[in-house]
C-alpha atoms as a PDB file:
ATOM      1  CA  MET A   1      56.434 -86.252  13.737  1.00  0.00           C
ATOM      2  CA  SER A   2      57.783 -84.035  10.935  1.00  0.00           C
ATOM      3  CA  LYS A   3      60.561 -85.532   8.833  1.00  0.00           C
ATOM      4  CA  LYS A   4      61.515 -82.181   7.317  1.00  0.00           C
ATOM      5  CA  ARG A   5      65.278 -81.746   6.903  1.00  0.00           C
ATOM      6  CA  VAL A   6      67.058 -78.432   6.399  1.00  0.00           C
ATOM      7  CA  ASP A   7      70.556 -77.372   5.403  1.00  0.00           C
ATOM      8  CA  PHE A   8      73.245 -76.784   7.984  1.00  0.00           C
ATOM      9  CA  GLY A   9      76.064 -76.108   5.576  1.00  0.00           C
ATOM     10  CA  TYR A  10      76.349 -79.281   3.512  1.00  0.00           C
ATOM     11  CA  GLN A  11      74.616 -81.406   6.149  1.00  0.00           C
ATOM     12  CA  LYS A  12      70.911 -82.226   6.247  1.00  0.00           C
ATOM     13  CA  VAL A  13      69.580 -81.928   9.796  1.00  0.00           C
ATOM     14  CA  SER A  14      66.249 -81.468  11.534  1.00  0.00           C
ATOM     15  CA  PRO A  15      65.042 -77.887  12.092  1.00  0.00           C
ATOM     16  CA  ALA A  16      65.634 -78.224  15.837  1.00  0.00           C
ATOM     17  CA  GLU A  17      69.172 -79.486  15.224  1.00  0.00           C
ATOM     18  CA  LYS A  18      69.965 -76.574  12.888  1.00  0.00           C
ATOM     19  CA  THR A  19      68.754 -74.011  15.408  1.00  0.00           C
ATOM     20  CA  LYS A  20      70.952 -75.586  18.072  1.00  0.00           C
ATOM     21  CA  LEU A  21      73.985 -75.937  15.787  1.00  0.00           C
ATOM     22  CA  VAL A  22      73.786 -72.341  14.547  1.00  0.00           C
ATOM     23  CA  GLY A  23      73.559 -71.174  18.148  1.00  0.00           C
ATOM     24  CA  GLY A  24      76.712 -73.167  18.895  1.00  0.00           C
ATOM     25  CA  VAL A  25      78.561 -71.561  15.991  1.00  0.00           C
ATOM     26  CA  PHE A  26      77.925 -68.046  17.256  1.00  0.00           C
ATOM     27  CA  LYS A  27      78.622 -68.955  20.856  1.00  0.00           C
ATOM     28  CA  GLU A  28      82.062 -70.078  19.709  1.00  0.00           C
ATOM     29  CA  VAL A  29      82.933 -66.989  17.656  1.00  0.00           C
ATOM     30  CA  ALA A  30      81.227 -64.177  19.614  1.00  0.00           C
ATOM     31  CA  SER A  31      84.377 -62.744  21.185  1.00  0.00           C
ATOM     32  CA  ARG A  32      86.240 -62.388  17.854  1.00  0.00           C
ATOM     33  CA  TYR A  33      83.303 -62.024  15.498  1.00  0.00           C
ATOM     34  CA  ASP A  34      84.082 -58.495  14.310  1.00  0.00           C
ATOM     35  CA  LEU A  35      87.796 -59.164  13.889  1.00  0.00           C
ATOM     36  CA  MET A  36      87.056 -61.995  11.478  1.00  0.00           C
ATOM     37  CA  ASN A  37      84.445 -59.922   9.632  1.00  0.00           C
ATOM     38  CA  ASP A  38      87.059 -57.266   8.933  1.00  0.00           C
ATOM     39  CA  PHE A  39      89.501 -59.902   7.670  1.00  0.00           C
ATOM     40  CA  MET A  40      86.985 -61.710   5.459  1.00  0.00           C
ATOM     41  CA  SER A  41      85.638 -58.523   3.855  1.00  0.00           C
ATOM     42  CA  PHE A  42      88.748 -56.307   3.984  1.00  0.00           C
ATOM     43  CA  GLY A  43      86.552 -53.968   6.003  1.00  0.00           C
ATOM     44  CA  SER A  44      83.975 -53.554   3.241  1.00  0.00           C
ATOM     45  CA  HIS A  45      81.171 -54.881   5.476  1.00  0.00           C
ATOM     46  CA  ARG A  46      81.279 -51.570   7.354  1.00  0.00           C
ATOM     47  CA  ILE A  47      80.632 -49.609   4.151  1.00  0.00           C
ATOM     48  CA  LEU A  48      77.823 -51.973   3.143  1.00  0.00           C
ATOM     49  CA  LYS A  49      76.136 -51.561   6.518  1.00  0.00           C
ATOM     50  CA  ARG A  50      76.192 -47.792   6.114  1.00  0.00           C
ATOM     51  CA  ILE A  51      74.608 -48.187   2.683  1.00  0.00           C
ATOM     52  CA  LEU A  52      71.900 -50.341   4.307  1.00  0.00           C
ATOM     53  CA  LEU A  53      71.315 -47.620   6.893  1.00  0.00           C
ATOM     54  CA  ASN A  54      70.930 -44.977   4.197  1.00  0.00           C
ATOM     55  CA  MET A  55      68.436 -47.187   2.330  1.00  0.00           C
ATOM     56  CA  SER A  56      66.279 -47.607   5.434  1.00  0.00           C
ATOM     57  CA  GLN A  57      64.411 -44.300   5.099  1.00  0.00           C
ATOM     58  CA  ILE A  58      64.066 -44.079   8.893  1.00  0.00           C
ATOM     59  CA  SER A  59      63.103 -40.866  10.638  1.00  0.00           C
ATOM     60  CA  PRO A  60      64.428 -39.771  14.055  1.00  0.00           C
ATOM     61  CA  ASN A  61      61.235 -41.175  15.625  1.00  0.00           C
ATOM     62  CA  SER A  62      61.226 -44.546  13.858  1.00  0.00           C
ATOM     63  CA  ARG A  63      60.929 -47.902  15.596  1.00  0.00           C
ATOM     64  CA  VAL A  64      63.665 -50.237  14.320  1.00  0.00           C
ATOM     65  CA  LEU A  65      64.337 -53.959  14.779  1.00  0.00           C
ATOM     66  CA  ASP A  66      67.881 -55.117  14.052  1.00  0.00           C
ATOM     67  CA  LEU A  67      67.234 -58.848  13.688  1.00  0.00           C
ATOM     68  CA  ALA A  68      70.156 -61.261  14.017  1.00  0.00           C
ATOM     69  CA  GLY A  69      71.907 -58.113  15.206  1.00  0.00           C
ATOM     70  CA  GLY A  70      74.980 -59.933  16.481  1.00  0.00           C
ATOM     71  CA  THR A  71      77.506 -57.735  18.217  1.00  0.00           C
ATOM     72  CA  GLY A  72      75.594 -54.563  17.456  1.00  0.00           C
ATOM     73  CA  ASP A  73      77.530 -52.654  14.804  1.00  0.00           C
ATOM     74  CA  VAL A  74      74.417 -52.080  12.683  1.00  0.00           C
ATOM     75  CA  THR A  75      72.348 -51.370  15.798  1.00  0.00           C
ATOM     76  CA  ALA A  76      74.771 -48.601  16.730  1.00  0.00           C
ATOM     77  CA  LEU A  77      74.446 -47.044  13.274  1.00  0.00           C
ATOM     78  CA  PHE A  78      70.675 -46.951  13.559  1.00  0.00           C
ATOM     79  CA  ALA A  79      70.754 -45.734  17.166  1.00  0.00           C
ATOM     80  CA  SER A  80      72.883 -42.757  16.142  1.00  0.00           C
ATOM     81  CA  ARG A  81      70.094 -41.625  13.767  1.00  0.00           C
ATOM     82  CA  LEU A  82      67.256 -41.869  16.299  1.00  0.00           C
ATOM     83  CA  ALA A  83      65.887 -39.208  18.636  1.00  0.00           C
ATOM     84  CA  LYS A  84      64.219 -39.736  22.009  1.00  0.00           C
ATOM     85  CA  GLY A  85      60.954 -40.511  20.261  1.00  0.00           C
ATOM     86  CA  GLY A  86      62.546 -43.370  18.330  1.00  0.00           C
ATOM     87  CA  SER A  87      63.538 -46.823  19.519  1.00  0.00           C
ATOM     88  CA  ILE A  88      65.686 -49.731  18.419  1.00  0.00           C
ATOM     89  CA  CYS A  89      65.771 -53.345  19.487  1.00  0.00           C
ATOM     90  CA  LEU A  90      68.661 -55.702  18.846  1.00  0.00           C
ATOM     91  CA  ALA A  91      67.299 -59.257  18.637  1.00  0.00           C
ATOM     92  CA  ASP A  92      69.520 -62.296  18.238  1.00  0.00           C
ATOM     93  CA  TYR A  93      69.217 -65.993  18.973  1.00  0.00           C
ATOM     94  CA  SER A  94      72.691 -66.071  20.563  1.00  0.00           C
ATOM     95  CA  GLN A  95      72.845 -64.930  24.180  1.00  0.00           C
ATOM     96  CA  GLU A  96      76.641 -64.698  23.867  1.00  0.00           C
ATOM     97  CA  MET A  97      76.438 -62.309  20.909  1.00  0.00           C
ATOM     98  CA  ILE A  98      73.929 -60.134  22.741  1.00  0.00           C
ATOM     99  CA  GLU A  99      76.209 -59.948  25.778  1.00  0.00           C
ATOM    100  CA  VAL A 100      79.041 -58.700  23.575  1.00  0.00           C
ATOM    101  CA  ALA A 101      76.674 -56.185  21.957  1.00  0.00           C
ATOM    102  CA  ARG A 102      75.319 -54.914  25.280  1.00  0.00           C
ATOM    103  CA  ASP A 103      78.810 -54.299  26.658  1.00  0.00           C
ATOM    104  CA  ARG A 104      79.859 -52.537  23.478  1.00  0.00           C
ATOM    105  CA  MET A 105      76.794 -50.307  23.334  1.00  0.00           C
ATOM    106  CA  LEU A 106      77.179 -49.263  26.968  1.00  0.00           C
ATOM    107  CA  ASN A 107      80.845 -48.487  26.374  1.00  0.00           C
ATOM    108  CA  GLN A 108      79.866 -46.302  23.414  1.00  0.00           C
ATOM    109  CA  GLY A 109      77.318 -44.416  25.507  1.00  0.00           C
ATOM    110  CA  PHE A 110      74.121 -45.698  23.886  1.00  0.00           C
ATOM    111  CA  SER A 111      71.164 -45.953  26.251  1.00  0.00           C
ATOM    112  CA  ASN A 112      68.281 -46.146  23.740  1.00  0.00           C
ATOM    113  CA  ILE A 113      68.736 -49.814  22.766  1.00  0.00           C
ATOM    114  CA  ASP A 114      66.686 -52.805  23.880  1.00  0.00           C
ATOM    115  CA  PHE A 115      68.138 -56.325  23.729  1.00  0.00           C
ATOM    116  CA  THR A 116      66.065 -59.445  23.167  1.00  0.00           C
ATOM    117  CA  VAL A 117      67.029 -63.089  22.762  1.00  0.00           C
ATOM    118  CA  ALA A 118      64.667 -64.250  20.026  1.00  0.00           C
ATOM    119  CA  GLN A 119      64.318 -66.697  17.179  1.00  0.00           C
ATOM    120  CA  ALA A 120      63.376 -65.135  13.837  1.00  0.00           C
ATOM    121  CA  GLU A 121      60.607 -67.663  13.278  1.00  0.00           C
ATOM    122  CA  SER A 122      58.813 -66.653  16.488  1.00  0.00           C
ATOM    123  CA  LEU A 123      59.278 -62.966  17.225  1.00  0.00           C
ATOM    124  CA  PRO A 124      58.094 -61.768  20.663  1.00  0.00           C
ATOM    125  CA  PHE A 125      56.824 -58.416  19.368  1.00  0.00           C
ATOM    126  CA  ARG A 126      53.352 -57.076  18.680  1.00  0.00           C
ATOM    127  CA  SER A 127      52.043 -56.813  15.153  1.00  0.00           C
ATOM    128  CA  ASP A 128      52.310 -53.657  13.019  1.00  0.00           C
ATOM    129  CA  HIS A 129      54.969 -52.134  15.276  1.00  0.00           C
ATOM    130  CA  PHE A 130      58.342 -51.537  13.559  1.00  0.00           C
ATOM    131  CA  ASN A 131      58.995 -49.038  10.787  1.00  0.00           C
ATOM    132  CA  CYS A 132      62.117 -50.900   9.697  1.00  0.00           C
ATOM    133  CA  VAL A 133      63.553 -54.387  10.140  1.00  0.00           C
ATOM    134  CA  SER A 134      67.189 -54.918   9.167  1.00  0.00           C
ATOM    135  CA  ILE A 135      69.098 -58.198   8.856  1.00  0.00           C
ATOM    136  CA  SER A 136      72.836 -58.112   8.189  1.00  0.00           C
ATOM    137  CA  PHE A 137      74.496 -61.424   7.273  1.00  0.00           C
ATOM    138  CA  GLY A 138      72.004 -63.399   9.342  1.00  0.00           C
ATOM    139  CA  PHE A 139      69.238 -64.370   6.932  1.00  0.00           C
ATOM    140  CA  ARG A 140      71.019 -67.447   5.576  1.00  0.00           C
ATOM    141  CA  ASN A 141      71.256 -68.857   9.121  1.00  0.00           C
ATOM    142  CA  PHE A 142      67.505 -68.829   9.755  1.00  0.00           C
ATOM    143  CA  THR A 143      66.094 -72.302  10.177  1.00  0.00           C
ATOM    144  CA  ASP A 144      62.861 -71.554   8.288  1.00  0.00           C
ATOM    145  CA  LYS A 145      63.313 -68.499   6.084  1.00  0.00           C
ATOM    146  CA  GLU A 146      59.718 -68.482   4.829  1.00  0.00           C
ATOM    147  CA  LEU A 147      58.300 -68.516   8.364  1.00  0.00           C
ATOM    148  CA  ALA A 148      60.783 -65.852   9.450  1.00  0.00           C
ATOM    149  CA  LEU A 149      59.646 -63.601   6.592  1.00  0.00           C
ATOM    150  CA  GLN A 150      56.021 -64.087   7.647  1.00  0.00           C
ATOM    151  CA  GLU A 151      56.937 -63.040  11.192  1.00  0.00           C
ATOM    152  CA  ILE A 152      58.863 -60.010   9.947  1.00  0.00           C
ATOM    153  CA  TYR A 153      55.911 -58.987   7.802  1.00  0.00           C
ATOM    154  CA  ARG A 154      53.632 -59.313  10.829  1.00  0.00           C
ATOM    155  CA  VAL A 155      55.711 -57.073  13.117  1.00  0.00           C
ATOM    156  CA  LEU A 156      56.307 -54.382  10.477  1.00  0.00           C
ATOM    157  CA  ALA A 157      53.964 -51.423  10.491  1.00  0.00           C
ATOM    158  CA  PRO A 158      52.076 -50.742   7.237  1.00  0.00           C
ATOM    159  CA  GLY A 159      54.542 -49.152   4.857  1.00  0.00           C
ATOM    160  CA  GLY A 160      57.478 -50.473   6.892  1.00  0.00           C
ATOM    161  CA  ILE A 161      60.722 -51.488   5.206  1.00  0.00           C
ATOM    162  CA  LEU A 162      62.640 -54.789   5.354  1.00  0.00           C
ATOM    163  CA  LEU A 163      66.333 -54.683   4.433  1.00  0.00           C
ATOM    164  CA  ILE A 164      68.479 -57.824   4.131  1.00  0.00           C
ATOM    165  CA  LEU A 165      72.229 -57.528   3.614  1.00  0.00           C
ATOM    166  CA  GLU A 166      73.563 -60.972   2.814  1.00  0.00           C
ATOM    167  CA  PHE A 167      76.241 -62.941   1.023  1.00  0.00           C
ATOM    168  CA  SER A 168      75.048 -63.776  -2.462  1.00  0.00           C
ATOM    169  CA  GLN A 169      76.210 -65.235  -5.781  1.00  0.00           C
ATOM    170  CA  PRO A 170      78.971 -63.513  -7.799  1.00  0.00           C
ATOM    171  CA  THR A 171      77.833 -62.506 -11.263  1.00  0.00           C
ATOM    172  CA  ASN A 172      81.246 -63.085 -12.868  1.00  0.00           C
ATOM    173  CA  ARG A 173      82.835 -66.537 -13.218  1.00  0.00           C
ATOM    174  CA  LEU A 174      86.396 -65.299 -12.747  1.00  0.00           C
ATOM    175  CA  LEU A 175      85.421 -63.331  -9.652  1.00  0.00           C
ATOM    176  CA  GLU A 176      83.634 -66.394  -8.279  1.00  0.00           C
ATOM    177  CA  THR A 177      86.758 -68.521  -8.730  1.00  0.00           C
ATOM    178  CA  ALA A 178      88.972 -65.943  -7.026  1.00  0.00           C
ATOM    179  CA  TYR A 179      86.449 -65.524  -4.215  1.00  0.00           C
ATOM    180  CA  LYS A 180      86.303 -69.263  -3.545  1.00  0.00           C
ATOM    181  CA  GLY A 181      90.094 -69.285  -3.377  1.00  0.00           C
ATOM    182  CA  PHE A 182      90.007 -66.540  -0.768  1.00  0.00           C
ATOM    183  CA  GLN A 183      87.284 -68.370   1.168  1.00  0.00           C
ATOM    184  CA  SER A 184      89.575 -71.373   1.484  1.00  0.00           C
ATOM    185  CA  LEU A 185      91.729 -69.265   3.847  1.00  0.00           C
ATOM    186  CA  TRP A 186      88.895 -68.566   6.275  1.00  0.00           C
ATOM    187  CA  PRO A 187      89.022 -71.786   8.323  1.00  0.00           C
ATOM    188  CA  LEU A 188      92.741 -71.361   8.996  1.00  0.00           C
ATOM    189  CA  ALA A 189      92.221 -67.720   9.924  1.00  0.00           C
ATOM    190  CA  GLY A 190      89.411 -68.822  12.215  1.00  0.00           C
ATOM    191  CA  LYS A 191      91.703 -71.332  13.863  1.00  0.00           C
ATOM    192  CA  LEU A 192      94.217 -68.580  14.552  1.00  0.00           C
ATOM    193  CA  ALA A 193      91.620 -66.005  15.691  1.00  0.00           C
ATOM    194  CA  VAL A 194      89.133 -68.048  17.710  1.00  0.00           C
ATOM    195  CA  GLY A 195      90.860 -71.420  18.065  1.00  0.00           C
ATOM    196  CA  SER A 196      88.510 -73.334  15.764  1.00  0.00           C
ATOM    197  CA  LYS A 197      88.135 -73.922  12.030  1.00  0.00           C
ATOM    198  CA  SER A 198      84.632 -75.368  12.084  1.00  0.00           C
ATOM    199  CA  PRO A 199      82.589 -72.130  12.386  1.00  0.00           C
ATOM    200  CA  TYR A 200      84.274 -70.741   9.285  1.00  0.00           C
ATOM    201  CA  GLN A 201      83.948 -73.977   7.339  1.00  0.00           C
ATOM    202  CA  TYR A 202      80.235 -73.749   8.113  1.00  0.00           C
ATOM    203  CA  LEU A 203      80.261 -70.116   6.943  1.00  0.00           C
ATOM    204  CA  ILE A 204      81.662 -71.142   3.546  1.00  0.00           C
ATOM    205  CA  GLU A 205      79.116 -73.925   3.197  1.00  0.00           C
ATOM    206  CA  SER A 206      76.196 -71.726   4.298  1.00  0.00           C
ATOM    207  CA  ILE A 207      77.106 -69.127   1.675  1.00  0.00           C
ATOM    208  CA  ASP A 208      77.320 -71.810  -1.004  1.00  0.00           C
ATOM    209  CA  LYS A 209      73.904 -73.249  -0.071  1.00  0.00           C
ATOM    210  CA  HIS A 210      72.161 -69.875   0.287  1.00  0.00           C
ATOM    211  CA  PRO A 211      69.565 -69.065  -2.412  1.00  0.00           C
ATOM    212  CA  ASN A 212      70.703 -66.681  -5.132  1.00  0.00           C
ATOM    213  CA  GLN A 213      69.497 -63.120  -5.573  1.00  0.00           C
ATOM    214  CA  GLN A 214      66.478 -63.937  -7.719  1.00  0.00           C
ATOM    215  CA  ALA A 215      65.383 -66.736  -5.390  1.00  0.00           C
ATOM    216  CA  VAL A 216      65.512 -64.452  -2.330  1.00  0.00           C
ATOM    217  CA  LYS A 217      63.570 -61.804  -4.260  1.00  0.00           C
ATOM    218  CA  GLN A 218      60.892 -64.409  -4.981  1.00  0.00           C
ATOM    219  CA  MET A 219      60.790 -65.413  -1.305  1.00  0.00           C
ATOM    220  CA  LEU A 220      60.033 -61.808  -0.309  1.00  0.00           C
ATOM    221  CA  GLU A 221      57.333 -61.529  -2.941  1.00  0.00           C
ATOM    222  CA  ASP A 222      55.794 -64.823  -1.778  1.00  0.00           C
ATOM    223  CA  ALA A 223      55.683 -63.351   1.756  1.00  0.00           C
ATOM    224  CA  ASN A 224      53.571 -60.454   0.379  1.00  0.00           C
ATOM    225  CA  PHE A 225      56.264 -57.778   0.414  1.00  0.00           C
ATOM    226  CA  GLN A 226      55.740 -55.025  -2.130  1.00  0.00           C
ATOM    227  CA  SER A 227      58.217 -53.163  -4.378  1.00  0.00           C
ATOM    228  CA  VAL A 228      60.800 -55.918  -3.868  1.00  0.00           C
ATOM    229  CA  SER A 229      64.250 -55.221  -5.277  1.00  0.00           C
ATOM    230  CA  PHE A 230      67.872 -56.136  -4.761  1.00  0.00           C
ATOM    231  CA  PHE A 231      71.171 -54.389  -5.304  1.00  0.00           C
ATOM    232  CA  ASN A 232      74.430 -56.222  -5.952  1.00  0.00           C
ATOM    233  CA  PHE A 233      77.725 -55.114  -4.414  1.00  0.00           C
ATOM    234  CA  LEU A 234      81.261 -56.390  -4.907  1.00  0.00           C
ATOM    235  CA  GLY A 235      80.222 -58.103  -8.117  1.00  0.00           C
ATOM    236  CA  GLY A 236      77.353 -59.956  -6.455  1.00  0.00           C
ATOM    237  CA  ILE A 237      79.393 -61.331  -3.547  1.00  0.00           C
ATOM    238  CA  THR A 238      76.900 -59.468  -1.379  1.00  0.00           C
ATOM    239  CA  SER A 239      73.444 -58.069  -2.035  1.00  0.00           C
ATOM    240  CA  ILE A 240      70.951 -55.858  -0.255  1.00  0.00           C
ATOM    241  CA  HIS A 241      67.327 -56.944  -0.640  1.00  0.00           C
ATOM    242  CA  LYS A 242      64.542 -54.474   0.038  1.00  0.00           C
ATOM    243  CA  GLY A 243      60.801 -54.964   0.458  1.00  0.00           C
ATOM    244  CA  GLN A 244      57.908 -52.967   1.884  1.00  0.00           C
ATOM    245  CA  LYS A 245      54.813 -53.995   3.807  1.00  0.00           C
ATOM    246  CA  ALA A 246      51.641 -52.928   2.077  1.00  0.00           C
ATOM    247  CA  ILE A 247      50.145 -49.703   3.407  1.00  0.00           C
ATOM    248  CA  GLY A 248      46.539 -50.822   3.211  1.00  0.00           C
END
């Protein structure tokens, strides 16, 4: 039996335990997830997601996978750019998040979206299929990031693009200190918004334990992605990583 331990915030747990615990976090916050995102980012996450969309290079007929798609805000952005010949799938490990997303998308009139409960390390899609895979603030929660990247590479079509928008490491010491002070408010805000501090304490810890920009870049290169780059925003508090599957 494997004795491998992985990070769940500051705890060391088995891979199976992390998968279960992360699922519990998002089950608890699903109904107020977007409200807290707006508070924690002062709304900037919406701008960053539009930047991600514009970096995707999708055409109206592209096939897109929004992985760890949560409540569907990024999925909706992509869906608005696609024609009848295109398709988009929102995949998330949390059934509760997908239910929120499905209701929202129907209310907004989208009918070109598929929904799939899936774990990033074992994607139920055929190889060489998607033109773009996007991940917004979900990569750090994957149980096995290296295996997830292998799966993403497999399901991307040759020349397909991977985009990862994620919390990262501030590049300025003063900004980092101020940011950590702001983070200290998140658990209390979570208590007021969703009735629990623990999901937002985990959020702080998961950001702190997440690999920095250069380390994530190296992970993409190790997974055979080409033309790997990253772009810092908000002084490095967030970054967008980009990689491409080889054409031949």
